[in-house]
C-alpha atoms as a PDB file:
ATOM      1  CA  MET A   1      22.695 -28.863 -15.074  1.00  0.00           C
ATOM      2  CA  THR A   2      22.052 -24.868 -13.286  1.00  0.00           C
ATOM      3  CA  ARG A   3      21.222 -23.477 -10.069  1.00  0.00           C
ATOM      4  CA  ALA A   4      18.353 -21.148  -9.445  1.00  0.00           C
ATOM      5  CA  VAL A   5      17.049 -19.524  -6.198  1.00  0.00           C
ATOM      6  CA  HIS A   6      14.393 -20.464  -4.577  1.00  0.00           C
ATOM      7  CA  LEU A   7      11.418 -19.986  -2.168  1.00  0.00           C
ATOM      8  CA  ALA A   8      12.618 -21.497   0.918  1.00  0.00           C
ATOM      9  CA  ARG A   9       9.856 -20.135   3.203  1.00  0.00           C
ATOM     10  CA  GLN A  10       7.145 -17.479   2.927  1.00  0.00           C
ATOM     11  CA  PRO A  11       8.933 -14.398   4.808  1.00  0.00           C
ATOM     12  CA  GLY A  12       7.896 -12.672   7.856  1.00  0.00           C
ATOM     13  CA  THR A  13       7.644  -9.070   8.617  1.00  0.00           C
ATOM     14  CA  HIS A  14      11.448  -8.344   8.103  1.00  0.00           C
ATOM     15  CA  ILE A  15      12.871 -10.119   4.218  1.00  0.00           C
ATOM     16  CA  ALA A  16      16.240 -12.385   4.849  1.00  0.00           C
ATOM     17  CA  PRO A  17      18.584 -13.827   3.090  1.00  0.00           C
ATOM     18  CA  ASP A  18      17.684 -17.555   4.435  1.00  0.00           C
ATOM     19  CA  ASP A  19      14.300 -17.233   3.096  1.00  0.00           C
ATOM     20  CA  PHE A  20      15.747 -18.067  -0.181  1.00  0.00           C
ATOM     21  CA  GLU A  21      17.805 -21.333  -1.285  1.00  0.00           C
ATOM     22  CA  VAL A  22      19.981 -21.539  -4.166  1.00  0.00           C
ATOM     23  CA  ARG A  23      19.151 -25.306  -5.455  1.00  0.00           C
ATOM     24  CA  ASP A  24      20.870 -27.406  -8.618  1.00  0.00           C
ATOM     25  CA  VAL A  25      18.176 -27.446 -11.134  1.00  0.00           C
ATOM     26  CA  VAL A  26      18.553 -30.079 -13.923  1.00  0.00           C
ATOM     27  CA  LEU A  27      17.093 -28.690 -17.179  1.00  0.00           C
ATOM     28  CA  PRO A  28      15.329 -30.330 -19.606  1.00  0.00           C
ATOM     29  CA  ALA A  29      16.216 -31.233 -23.664  1.00  0.00           C
ATOM     30  CA  VAL A  30      15.635 -28.049 -25.836  1.00  0.00           C
ATOM     31  CA  GLN A  31      12.703 -28.979 -28.255  1.00  0.00           C
ATOM     32  CA  SER A  32      11.556 -27.805 -31.214  1.00  0.00           C
ATOM     33  CA  GLY A  33      10.711 -24.033 -30.834  1.00  0.00           C
ATOM     34  CA  GLN A  34      12.803 -23.410 -27.724  1.00  0.00           C
ATOM     35  CA  ALA A  35      16.362 -21.916 -26.680  1.00  0.00           C
ATOM     36  CA  ARG A  36      18.598 -22.804 -23.779  1.00  0.00           C
ATOM     37  CA  VAL A  37      19.941 -19.207 -22.628  1.00  0.00           C
ATOM     38  CA  ARG A  38      22.497 -18.779 -19.768  1.00  0.00           C
ATOM     39  CA  ASN A  39      21.739 -15.613 -17.909  1.00  0.00           C
ATOM     40  CA  LEU A  40      24.617 -12.803 -18.044  1.00  0.00           C
ATOM     41  CA  PHE A  41      22.644 -10.531 -15.369  1.00  0.00           C
ATOM     42  CA  VAL A  42      19.387 -10.717 -12.985  1.00  0.00           C
ATOM     43  CA  SER A  43      16.969  -8.198 -12.125  1.00  0.00           C
ATOM     44  CA  LEU A  44      16.368  -7.530  -8.676  1.00  0.00           C
ATOM     45  CA  ASP A  45      13.328  -5.326  -7.607  1.00  0.00           C
ATOM     46  CA  PRO A  46      10.950  -4.092  -4.820  1.00  0.00           C
ATOM     47  CA  TYR A  47       8.350  -5.547  -6.291  1.00  0.00           C
ATOM     48  CA  MET A  48       9.431  -8.917  -5.874  1.00  0.00           C
ATOM     49  CA  ARG A  49       8.734  -8.400  -2.391  1.00  0.00           C
ATOM     50  CA  LEU A  50       4.991  -8.430  -3.037  1.00  0.00           C
ATOM     51  CA  PRO A  51       4.065 -12.195  -4.450  1.00  0.00           C
ATOM     52  CA  LEU A  52       5.912 -13.640  -0.957  1.00  0.00           C
ATOM     53  CA  THR A  53       3.165 -12.018   1.125  1.00  0.00           C
ATOM     54  CA  ALA A  54      -0.351 -12.898   2.458  1.00  0.00           C
ATOM     55  CA  ARG A  55      -1.911 -10.264   0.326  1.00  0.00           C
ATOM     56  CA  ALA A  56      -3.086 -11.155  -3.049  1.00  0.00           C
ATOM     57  CA  GLY A  57      -1.984  -8.378  -5.712  1.00  0.00           C
ATOM     58  CA  LEU A  58      -0.793  -7.295  -9.225  1.00  0.00           C
ATOM     59  CA  HIS A  59       1.603 -10.087  -9.056  1.00  0.00           C
ATOM     60  CA  PRO A  60       0.711 -14.244  -8.439  1.00  0.00           C
ATOM     61  CA  ALA A  61       1.666 -15.361  -5.073  1.00  0.00           C
ATOM     62  CA  LYS A  62       4.889 -17.579  -4.194  1.00  0.00           C
ATOM     63  CA  GLY A  63       4.855 -20.345  -1.935  1.00  0.00           C
ATOM     64  CA  PRO A  64       7.952 -22.130  -0.647  1.00  0.00           C
ATOM     65  CA  GLY A  65       9.868 -24.051  -3.070  1.00  0.00           C
ATOM     66  CA  ASP A  66       8.728 -21.675  -6.361  1.00  0.00           C
ATOM     67  CA  LEU A  67      11.233 -20.455  -8.356  1.00  0.00           C
ATOM     68  CA  LEU A  68      11.746 -16.587  -8.393  1.00  0.00           C
ATOM     69  CA  GLY A  69      11.190 -14.637 -11.322  1.00  0.00           C
ATOM     70  CA  GLY A  70      11.951 -11.305 -12.787  1.00  0.00           C
ATOM     71  CA  ALA A  71      14.256  -9.651 -15.813  1.00  0.00           C
ATOM     72  CA  ALA A  72      17.090 -11.180 -16.688  1.00  0.00           C
ATOM     73  CA  VAL A  73      19.746 -10.615 -19.583  1.00  0.00           C
ATOM     74  CA  GLY A  74      21.752 -13.887 -21.322  1.00  0.00           C
ATOM     75  CA  VAL A  75      22.941 -15.509 -23.958  1.00  0.00           C
ATOM     76  CA  VAL A  76      22.003 -18.333 -25.955  1.00  0.00           C
ATOM     77  CA  GLU A  77      23.866 -20.768 -25.754  1.00  0.00           C
ATOM     78  CA  GLU A  78      21.407 -23.649 -27.974  1.00  0.00           C
ATOM     79  CA  SER A  79      18.236 -22.934 -30.096  1.00  0.00           C
ATOM     80  CA  ALA A  80      16.161 -25.593 -32.129  1.00  0.00           C
ATOM     81  CA  ASP A  81      14.481 -22.327 -33.999  1.00  0.00           C
ATOM     82  CA  PRO A  82      15.938 -20.771 -36.846  1.00  0.00           C
ATOM     83  CA  ALA A  83      14.032 -17.747 -35.793  1.00  0.00           C
ATOM     84  CA  LEU A  84      16.929 -17.443 -32.957  1.00  0.00           C
ATOM     85  CA  VAL A  85      20.239 -18.323 -33.126  1.00  0.00           C
ATOM     86  CA  ALA A  86      23.312 -19.183 -30.717  1.00  0.00           C
ATOM     87  CA  GLY A  87      25.820 -16.187 -29.376  1.00  0.00           C
ATOM     88  CA  THR A  88      22.301 -14.245 -29.669  1.00  0.00           C
ATOM     89  CA  LEU A  89      21.492 -11.856 -26.190  1.00  0.00           C
ATOM     90  CA  VAL A  90      18.182 -12.079 -25.322  1.00  0.00           C
ATOM     91  CA  VAL A  91      15.918 -10.399 -22.599  1.00  0.00           C
ATOM     92  CA  SER A  92      13.635 -12.681 -20.555  1.00  0.00           C
ATOM     93  CA  GLN A  93      11.252 -12.893 -17.913  1.00  0.00           C
ATOM     94  CA  SER A  94      13.059 -16.586 -16.219  1.00  0.00           C
ATOM     95  CA  GLY A  95      15.116 -14.201 -13.661  1.00  0.00           C
ATOM     96  CA  TRP A  96      17.152 -15.652 -10.810  1.00  0.00           C
ATOM     97  CA  THR A  97      18.394 -18.709 -12.290  1.00  0.00           C
ATOM     98  CA  GLU A  98      22.205 -19.181 -14.033  1.00  0.00           C
ATOM     99  CA  GLY A  99      19.968 -20.850 -17.004  1.00  0.00           C
ATOM    100  CA  PHE A 100      16.798 -21.855 -18.279  1.00  0.00           C
ATOM    101  CA  VAL A 101      15.103 -23.785 -21.387  1.00  0.00           C
ATOM    102  CA  ALA A 102      11.762 -21.699 -22.714  1.00  0.00           C
ATOM    103  CA  PRO A 103       9.980 -20.955 -26.011  1.00  0.00           C
ATOM    104  CA  VAL A 104      12.226 -18.667 -28.652  1.00  0.00           C
ATOM    105  CA  ALA A 105       8.614 -16.814 -28.457  1.00  0.00           C
ATOM    106  CA  SER A 106       9.056 -15.969 -25.003  1.00  0.00           C
ATOM    107  CA  LEU A 107      12.300 -13.988 -25.827  1.00  0.00           C
ATOM    108  CA  ARG A 108      13.505 -10.447 -26.715  1.00  0.00           C
ATOM    109  CA  ALA A 109      16.899 -10.022 -28.798  1.00  0.00           C
ATOM    110  CA  LEU A 110      19.123  -7.251 -28.253  1.00  0.00           C
ATOM    111  CA  PRO A 111      21.051  -6.453 -31.079  1.00  0.00           C
ATOM    112  CA  ALA A 112      24.254  -8.105 -31.680  1.00  0.00           C
ATOM    113  CA  ASP A 113      26.620  -4.790 -30.508  1.00  0.00           C
ATOM    114  CA  THR A 114      24.411  -3.652 -27.693  1.00  0.00           C
ATOM    115  CA  PRO A 115      27.046  -1.725 -25.578  1.00  0.00           C
ATOM    116  CA  HIS A 116      25.562  -2.278 -22.012  1.00  0.00           C
ATOM    117  CA  PRO A 117      23.616  -4.928 -21.664  1.00  0.00           C
ATOM    118  CA  SER A 118      22.725  -4.387 -17.868  1.00  0.00           C
ATOM    119  CA  TRP A 119      20.901  -1.411 -18.626  1.00  0.00           C
ATOM    120  CA  HIS A 120      18.348  -3.093 -20.654  1.00  0.00           C
ATOM    121  CA  LEU A 121      17.641  -4.537 -16.708  1.00  0.00           C
ATOM    122  CA  GLY A 122      17.186  -0.811 -15.465  1.00  0.00           C
ATOM    123  CA  VAL A 123      17.387   2.561 -17.378  1.00  0.00           C
ATOM    124  CA  LEU A 124      16.392   0.770 -20.577  1.00  0.00           C
ATOM    125  CA  GLY A 125      14.186  -1.579 -19.216  1.00  0.00           C
ATOM    126  CA  LEU A 126      11.024  -1.322 -16.766  1.00  0.00           C
ATOM    127  CA  THR A 127      13.114   0.681 -14.370  1.00  0.00           C
ATOM    128  CA  GLY A 128      13.431   3.521 -17.490  1.00  0.00           C
ATOM    129  CA  ILE A 129       9.942   3.479 -18.815  1.00  0.00           C
ATOM    130  CA  THR A 130       8.848   3.681 -15.134  1.00  0.00           C
ATOM    131  CA  ALA A 131      10.306   7.192 -14.582  1.00  0.00           C
ATOM    132  CA  TRP A 132       9.220   8.604 -17.710  1.00  0.00           C
ATOM    133  CA  LEU A 133       5.978   7.838 -17.485  1.00  0.00           C
ATOM    134  CA  GLY A 134       5.991   9.369 -14.507  1.00  0.00           C
ATOM    135  CA  VAL A 135       7.679  12.173 -15.081  1.00  0.00           C
ATOM    136  CA  GLU A 136       6.962  12.823 -18.674  1.00  0.00           C
ATOM    137  CA  ARG A 137       3.125  11.098 -19.131  1.00  0.00           C
ATOM    138  CA  VAL A 138       1.687  11.897 -15.977  1.00  0.00           C
ATOM    139  CA  LEU A 139       3.649  15.177 -13.736  1.00  0.00           C
ATOM    140  CA  LYS A 140       4.740  16.926 -17.445  1.00  0.00           C
ATOM    141  CA  PRO A 141       6.252  19.866 -14.551  1.00  0.00           C
ATOM    142  CA  VAL A 142       7.888  22.814 -16.282  1.00  0.00           C
ATOM    143  CA  ARG A 143      10.522  25.495 -15.520  1.00  0.00           C
ATOM    144  CA  GLY A 144       9.858  27.102 -12.706  1.00  0.00           C
ATOM    145  CA  GLU A 145       8.165  24.314 -11.140  1.00  0.00           C
ATOM    146  CA  THR A 146       9.689  22.442  -8.098  1.00  0.00           C
ATOM    147  CA  VAL A 147       9.160  18.419  -7.877  1.00  0.00           C
ATOM    148  CA  TYR A 148      10.063  16.009  -5.141  1.00  0.00           C
ATOM    149  CA  VAL A 149      10.746  12.771  -5.810  1.00  0.00           C
ATOM    150  CA  SER A 150      11.022  10.425  -2.600  1.00  0.00           C
ATOM    151  CA  GLY A 151      13.310   7.565  -2.765  1.00  0.00           C
ATOM    152  CA  ALA A 152      15.247   9.409  -5.104  1.00  0.00           C
ATOM    153  CA  ALA A 153      18.292   7.649  -5.007  1.00  0.00           C
ATOM    154  CA  GLY A 154      17.295   4.217  -6.202  1.00  0.00           C
ATOM    155  CA  ALA A 155      16.494   2.519  -9.433  1.00  0.00           C
ATOM    156  CA  VAL A 156      13.285   4.586 -10.289  1.00  0.00           C
ATOM    157  CA  GLY A 157      13.799   7.733  -8.341  1.00  0.00           C
ATOM    158  CA  SER A 158      16.929   8.295  -9.796  1.00  0.00           C
ATOM    159  CA  ILE A 159      15.924   8.420 -13.228  1.00  0.00           C
ATOM    160  CA  ALA A 160      13.283  10.206 -12.209  1.00  0.00           C
ATOM    161  CA  CYS A 161      15.332  13.180 -10.946  1.00  0.00           C
ATOM    162  CA  GLY A 162      16.877  13.835 -14.065  1.00  0.00           C
ATOM    163  CA  LEU A 163      13.947  13.360 -16.026  1.00  0.00           C
ATOM    164  CA  ALA A 164      12.246  16.228 -14.295  1.00  0.00           C
ATOM    165  CA  ARG A 165      15.451  18.486 -14.194  1.00  0.00           C
ATOM    166  CA  ARG A 166      15.918  17.858 -17.600  1.00  0.00           C
ATOM    167  CA  ARG A 167      12.162  19.599 -18.280  1.00  0.00           C
ATOM    168  CA  GLY A 168      13.663  22.579 -16.273  1.00  0.00           C
ATOM    169  CA  ALA A 169      11.913  21.585 -13.501  1.00  0.00           C
ATOM    170  CA  THR A 170      14.060  22.550  -9.229  1.00  0.00           C
ATOM    171  CA  VAL A 171      13.681  18.802  -8.241  1.00  0.00           C
ATOM    172  CA  ILE A 172      14.762  18.043  -4.342  1.00  0.00           C
ATOM    173  CA  GLY A 173      14.789  14.764  -2.963  1.00  0.00           C
ATOM    174  CA  THR A 174      14.523  12.177  -0.033  1.00  0.00           C
ATOM    175  CA  ALA A 175      17.137   9.623   0.426  1.00  0.00           C
ATOM    176  CA  GLY A 176      18.167   7.326   3.453  1.00  0.00           C
ATOM    177  CA  THR A 177      21.976   8.170   4.006  1.00  0.00           C
ATOM    178  CA  ASP A 178      24.187  11.184   3.809  1.00  0.00           C
ATOM    179  CA  ALA A 179      26.233   9.416   0.974  1.00  0.00           C
ATOM    180  CA  LYS A 180      23.164   8.933  -1.212  1.00  0.00           C
ATOM    181  CA  CYS A 181      21.800  13.315  -0.291  1.00  0.00           C
ATOM    182  CA  ARG A 182      25.604  13.979  -2.175  1.00  0.00           C
ATOM    183  CA  LEU A 183      24.828  11.669  -4.660  1.00  0.00           C
ATOM    184  CA  LEU A 184      21.590  13.577  -5.393  1.00  0.00           C
ATOM    185  CA  ILE A 185      23.456  17.062  -5.339  1.00  0.00           C
ATOM    186  CA  ASP A 186      26.919  16.441  -7.271  1.00  0.00           C
ATOM    187  CA  GLU A 187      26.229  13.793  -9.392  1.00  0.00           C
ATOM    188  CA  ILE A 188      22.269  13.480 -10.169  1.00  0.00           C
ATOM    189  CA  GLY A 189      21.838  17.286 -10.445  1.00  0.00           C
ATOM    190  CA  CYS A 190      18.921  17.960  -7.400  1.00  0.00           C
ATOM    191  CA  ALA A 191      18.625  21.535  -5.863  1.00  0.00           C
ATOM    192  CA  THR A 192      18.338  20.104  -2.422  1.00  0.00           C
ATOM    193  CA  ALA A 193      18.240  16.651  -1.082  1.00  0.00           C
ATOM    194  CA  GLY A 194      17.385  14.846   2.652  1.00  0.00           C
ATOM    195  CA  ASN A 195      18.335  11.806   4.909  1.00  0.00           C
ATOM    196  CA  TYR A 196      15.168  10.743   6.149  1.00  0.00           C
ATOM    197  CA  HIS A 197      17.031   8.946   9.069  1.00  0.00           C
ATOM    198  CA  ARG A 198      17.862  11.993  10.053  1.00  0.00           C
ATOM    199  CA  GLU A 199      15.186  14.753   9.627  1.00  0.00           C
ATOM    200  CA  PRO A 200      11.421  13.606   8.825  1.00  0.00           C
ATOM    201  CA  VAL A 201      10.406  13.899   5.170  1.00  0.00           C
ATOM    202  CA  SER A 202       7.593  17.028   5.996  1.00  0.00           C
ATOM    203  CA  ALA A 203      10.498  18.537   7.605  1.00  0.00           C
ATOM    204  CA  PHE A 204      12.419  17.901   4.905  1.00  0.00           C
ATOM    205  CA  LEU A 205       9.473  19.614   2.441  1.00  0.00           C
ATOM    206  CA  ALA A 206       8.967  22.309   4.703  1.00  0.00           C
ATOM    207  CA  ARG A 207      12.521  23.699   5.057  1.00  0.00           C
ATOM    208  CA  ALA A 208      13.398  23.219   0.901  1.00  0.00           C
ATOM    209  CA  ALA A 209      10.323  23.883  -0.539  1.00  0.00           C
ATOM    210  CA  PRO A 210       8.503  26.499   2.189  1.00  0.00           C
ATOM    211  CA  ASP A 211       6.223  27.624  -0.440  1.00  0.00           C
ATOM    212  CA  GLY A 212       4.833  24.026  -1.367  1.00  0.00           C
ATOM    213  CA  VAL A 213       5.778  21.744  -4.158  1.00  0.00           C
ATOM    214  CA  ASP A 214       4.017  21.103  -7.868  1.00  0.00           C
ATOM    215  CA  ALA A 215       4.526  17.840  -8.113  1.00  0.00           C
ATOM    216  CA  SER A 216       5.973  14.612  -6.749  1.00  0.00           C
ATOM    217  CA  PHE A 217       6.973  11.470  -7.457  1.00  0.00           C
ATOM    218  CA  ASP A 218       6.437   9.227  -4.643  1.00  0.00           C
ATOM    219  CA  ASN A 219       8.226   5.510  -4.687  1.00  0.00           C
ATOM    220  CA  VAL A 220       7.606   4.870  -1.071  1.00  0.00           C
ATOM    221  CA  GLY A 221       4.360   5.352   0.541  1.00  0.00           C
ATOM    222  CA  GLY A 222       3.015   5.278   3.522  1.00  0.00           C
ATOM    223  CA  ALA A 223       4.595   8.414   5.808  1.00  0.00           C
ATOM    224  CA  THR A 224       5.829   9.615   3.128  1.00  0.00           C
ATOM    225  CA  LEU A 225       2.848  10.276   0.878  1.00  0.00           C
ATOM    226  CA  ASP A 226       1.186  11.748   3.697  1.00  0.00           C
ATOM    227  CA  ALA A 227       4.261  14.003   3.819  1.00  0.00           C
ATOM    228  CA  ILE A 228       3.613  15.120   0.195  1.00  0.00           C
ATOM    229  CA  LEU A 229      -0.474  15.319   0.820  1.00  0.00           C
ATOM    230  CA  GLY A 230       0.761  18.108   3.390  1.00  0.00           C
ATOM    231  CA  ALA A 231       3.294  19.738   1.343  1.00  0.00           C
ATOM    232  CA  THR A 232       1.564  20.289  -2.016  1.00  0.00           C
ATOM    233  CA  ARG A 233       0.130  23.132  -3.069  1.00  0.00           C
ATOM    234  CA  PRO A 234      -3.028  23.446  -4.548  1.00  0.00           C
ATOM    235  CA  GLY A 235      -3.945  21.830  -7.848  1.00  0.00           C
ATOM    236  CA  GLY A 236      -0.661  19.986  -7.713  1.00  0.00           C
ATOM    237  CA  ARG A 237      -0.093  16.729  -9.008  1.00  0.00           C
ATOM    238  CA  ILE A 238       1.103  13.413  -7.562  1.00  0.00           C
ATOM    239  CA  GLY A 239       2.102  10.659  -9.487  1.00  0.00           C
ATOM    240  CA  ALA A 240       1.886   7.131  -7.137  1.00  0.00           C
ATOM    241  CA  CYS A 241       4.335   4.530  -8.399  1.00  0.00           C
ATOM    242  CA  GLY A 242       5.448   2.399  -5.606  1.00  0.00           C
ATOM    243  CA  ALA A 243       5.166   2.066  -1.733  1.00  0.00           C
ATOM    244  CA  ILE A 244       8.529   0.665  -0.809  1.00  0.00           C
ATOM    245  CA  SER A 245       8.048   1.519   2.858  1.00  0.00           C
ATOM    246  CA  LEU A 246       4.784  -0.830   3.105  1.00  0.00           C
ATOM    247  CA  TYR A 247       6.282  -3.906   1.641  1.00  0.00           C
ATOM    248  CA  GLU A 248       7.330  -5.442   4.900  1.00  0.00           C
ATOM    249  CA  SER A 249       3.876  -4.136   6.651  1.00  0.00           C
ATOM    250  CA  ASP A 250       0.620  -6.536   7.276  1.00  0.00           C
ATOM    251  CA  ASP A 251      -0.729  -4.524   4.365  1.00  0.00           C
ATOM    252  CA  TYR A 252       1.025  -3.039   1.920  1.00  0.00           C
ATOM    253  CA  ARG A 253      -2.139  -1.869   0.086  1.00  0.00           C
ATOM    254  CA  GLY A 254      -2.893   0.762   2.751  1.00  0.00           C
ATOM    255  CA  GLY A 255      -3.977   4.321   1.891  1.00  0.00           C
ATOM    256  CA  PRO A 256      -2.489   7.648   3.475  1.00  0.00           C
ATOM    257  CA  ALA A 257      -4.028   8.735   6.480  1.00  0.00           C
ATOM    258  CA  ASP A 258      -4.417  12.126   5.255  1.00  0.00           C
ATOM    259  CA  PHE A 259      -6.600  11.624   2.293  1.00  0.00           C
ATOM    260  CA  PHE A 260      -9.244  13.825   3.041  1.00  0.00           C
ATOM    261  CA  ARG A 261      -6.025  16.382   1.762  1.00  0.00           C
ATOM    262  CA  VAL A 262      -6.212  15.512  -2.082  1.00  0.00           C
ATOM    263  CA  ILE A 263     -10.647  16.929  -1.225  1.00  0.00           C
ATOM    264  CA  GLU A 264      -8.928  20.271   0.359  1.00  0.00           C
ATOM    265  CA  GLN A 265      -6.457  20.998  -1.747  1.00  0.00           C
ATOM    266  CA  GLY A 266      -7.727  19.757  -5.265  1.00  0.00           C
ATOM    267  CA  LEU A 267      -5.025  17.467  -5.599  1.00  0.00           C
ATOM    268  CA  THR A 268      -4.476  14.841  -8.179  1.00  0.00           C
ATOM    269  CA  ILE A 269      -2.911  11.485  -7.514  1.00  0.00           C
ATOM    270  CA  THR A 270      -2.126   9.152 -10.588  1.00  0.00           C
ATOM    271  CA  GLY A 271      -1.266   5.742 -10.361  1.00  0.00           C
ATOM    272  CA  PHE A 272       1.052   4.179 -12.699  1.00  0.00           C
ATOM    273  CA  ASN A 273       3.078   1.467 -13.344  1.00  0.00           C
ATOM    274  CA  ALA A 274       5.503   0.292 -16.662  1.00  0.00           C
ATOM    275  CA  GLY A 275       2.983  -2.123 -18.237  1.00  0.00           C
ATOM    276  CA  GLN A 276       1.026   0.844 -19.149  1.00  0.00           C
ATOM    277  CA  ALA A 277       3.196   1.971 -21.731  1.00  0.00           C
ATOM    278  CA  GLY A 278       1.868  -0.586 -24.153  1.00  0.00           C
ATOM    279  CA  ASP A 279       3.112  -0.108 -27.731  1.00  0.00           C
ATOM    280  CA  ASP A 280       4.711   2.804 -26.819  1.00  0.00           C
ATOM    281  CA  ALA A 281       7.281   0.869 -24.934  1.00  0.00           C
ATOM    282  CA  PRO A 282       9.848   0.803 -27.984  1.00  0.00           C
ATOM    283  CA  ALA A 283       9.163   4.659 -28.472  1.00  0.00           C
ATOM    284  CA  ILE A 284      10.502   5.696 -24.928  1.00  0.00           C
ATOM    285  CA  VAL A 285      13.190   2.924 -24.312  1.00  0.00           C
ATOM    286  CA  SER A 286      14.904   4.460 -27.932  1.00  0.00           C
ATOM    287  CA  GLU A 287      14.262   8.499 -26.161  1.00  0.00           C
ATOM    288  CA  LEU A 288      15.913   6.980 -23.095  1.00  0.00           C
ATOM    289  CA  GLN A 289      18.638   5.141 -24.720  1.00  0.00           C
ATOM    290  CA  GLN A 290      19.466   8.665 -26.506  1.00  0.00           C
ATOM    291  CA  MET A 291      19.737  10.439 -23.166  1.00  0.00           C
ATOM    292  CA  ALA A 292      21.844   7.730 -21.082  1.00  0.00           C
ATOM    293  CA  ALA A 293      24.584   8.274 -24.368  1.00  0.00           C
ATOM    294  CA  ALA A 294      24.503  11.640 -24.143  1.00  0.00           C
ATOM    295  CA  GLY A 295      24.640  11.796 -20.321  1.00  0.00           C
ATOM    296  CA  ASP A 296      21.108  13.693 -20.179  1.00  0.00           C
ATOM    297  CA  ILE A 297      20.208  11.266 -17.554  1.00  0.00           C
ATOM    298  CA  LEU A 298      22.755   8.958 -14.658  1.00  0.00           C
ATOM    299  CA  VAL A 299      22.596   6.333 -15.503  1.00  0.00           C
ATOM    300  CA  ARG A 300      24.065   4.120 -11.639  1.00  0.00           C
ATOM    301  CA  GLU A 301      23.871   0.419 -11.071  1.00  0.00           C
ATOM    302  CA  THR A 302      25.042  -1.290  -7.781  1.00  0.00           C
ATOM    303  CA  VAL A 303      26.484  -4.898  -9.482  1.00  0.00           C
ATOM    304  CA  VAL A 304      26.337  -8.014  -6.822  1.00  0.00           C
ATOM    305  CA  GLU A 305      28.476 -11.155  -8.395  1.00  0.00           C
ATOM    306  CA  GLY A 306      27.087 -14.262  -8.497  1.00  0.00           C
ATOM    307  CA  ILE A 307      23.614 -16.533  -8.154  1.00  0.00           C
ATOM    308  CA  ALA A 308      24.479 -17.085  -4.188  1.00  0.00           C
ATOM    309  CA  ALA A 309      24.879 -13.086  -3.630  1.00  0.00           C
ATOM    310  CA  VAL A 310      21.161 -12.958  -4.505  1.00  0.00           C
ATOM    311  CA  PRO A 311      19.024 -13.660  -1.415  1.00  0.00           C
ATOM    312  CA  ALA A 312      21.233 -11.107   0.823  1.00  0.00           C
ATOM    313  CA  ALA A 313      20.931  -8.828  -2.002  1.00  0.00           C
ATOM    314  CA  PHE A 314      17.075  -8.529  -2.779  1.00  0.00           C
ATOM    315  CA  ALA A 315      17.068  -8.107   1.169  1.00  0.00           C
ATOM    316  CA  SER A 316      19.124  -5.087   1.302  1.00  0.00           C
ATOM    317  CA  LEU A 317      16.697  -3.416  -1.273  1.00  0.00           C
ATOM    318  CA  PHE A 318      14.539  -2.753   1.550  1.00  0.00           C
ATOM    319  CA  THR A 319      17.067  -1.548   4.347  1.00  0.00           C
ATOM    320  CA  GLY A 320      18.376   1.405   2.026  1.00  0.00           C
ATOM    321  CA  GLU A 321      21.512  -0.225   1.421  1.00  0.00           C
ATOM    322  CA  THR A 322      21.642   0.010  -2.875  1.00  0.00           C
ATOM    323  CA  THR A 323      21.650   3.303  -4.711  1.00  0.00           C
ATOM    324  CA  GLY A 324      20.774   2.924  -8.590  1.00  0.00           C
ATOM    325  CA  LYS A 325      19.725  -0.443 -10.007  1.00  0.00           C
ATOM    326  CA  LEU A 326      20.505  -3.268  -8.548  1.00  0.00           C
ATOM    327  CA  ILE A 327      21.685  -6.112 -10.381  1.00  0.00           C
ATOM    328  CA  ALA A 328      23.106  -9.884  -9.846  1.00  0.00           C
ATOM    329  CA  ARG A 329      26.068 -10.618 -12.312  1.00  0.00           C
ATOM    330  CA  LEU A 330      26.059 -14.130 -12.821  1.00  0.00           C
ATOM    331  CA  GLY A 331      28.514 -14.374 -16.197  1.00  0.00           C
END
């Protein structure tokens, strides 16, 4: 017997904890080639909101009664495959559940001496790979340039800030609280930061970068992307990573209102996601691991305890209450 989070009803405009329910689940017996895993850490990410909308997209839609998935780190408790022994730490996509049975081929084993297992859901997982792709492959900032990061105190944004600063760029960012802005300056190394609840992003960019920004890493979309378009220098680059400001709207796929600025200013907008790393993913993770171990990039997590805390924690992603990577610790 285990417990798992299921979708109780299709969410409305704003996602709520009671859109989900924690159910008891009886696990099947382990068959040949399978393993039973007890999850230790479960990832909570903004993209998980997209399958809960009425719009078709990158991720298959979820309906009432469906189990919620996503990345998780767990420990093998029983295995019917000699390739994976009990006690091994593994990464899976089996998500919001305390335990599960799955084919061994779907699990990725971690070294026995892994020092920070939860990092494989953040800086050493899709989060870190996304940030690396945006900075190192899309924007490629150089010393003397100004880089703006939206959602800068979030999981991807905070790592992107560190990577851009490491390349010598002047990094500026926005976040939703004064405390997050202090974190961006004092710990992450931004030159300045703005609270978008106190000051429109367009006003912040005009104040922080009066000559314009050279490159932007955008996690937010919507009005923030419009502000970026208006503040980008001619020939500037924009990396489009997400649009969390639209995930609770009627159409998260809607584009910027002032798209003609791209033509007028000769801008480049490049969309990207972690799946585009392909065969380069292991090398990227290795590089990120070295940076994190050396303290070159800040690893920050918000951790909640237990499977029952998952629904409320997930909803908090869309009210700006979390900093860094959001994780549920189950064991």
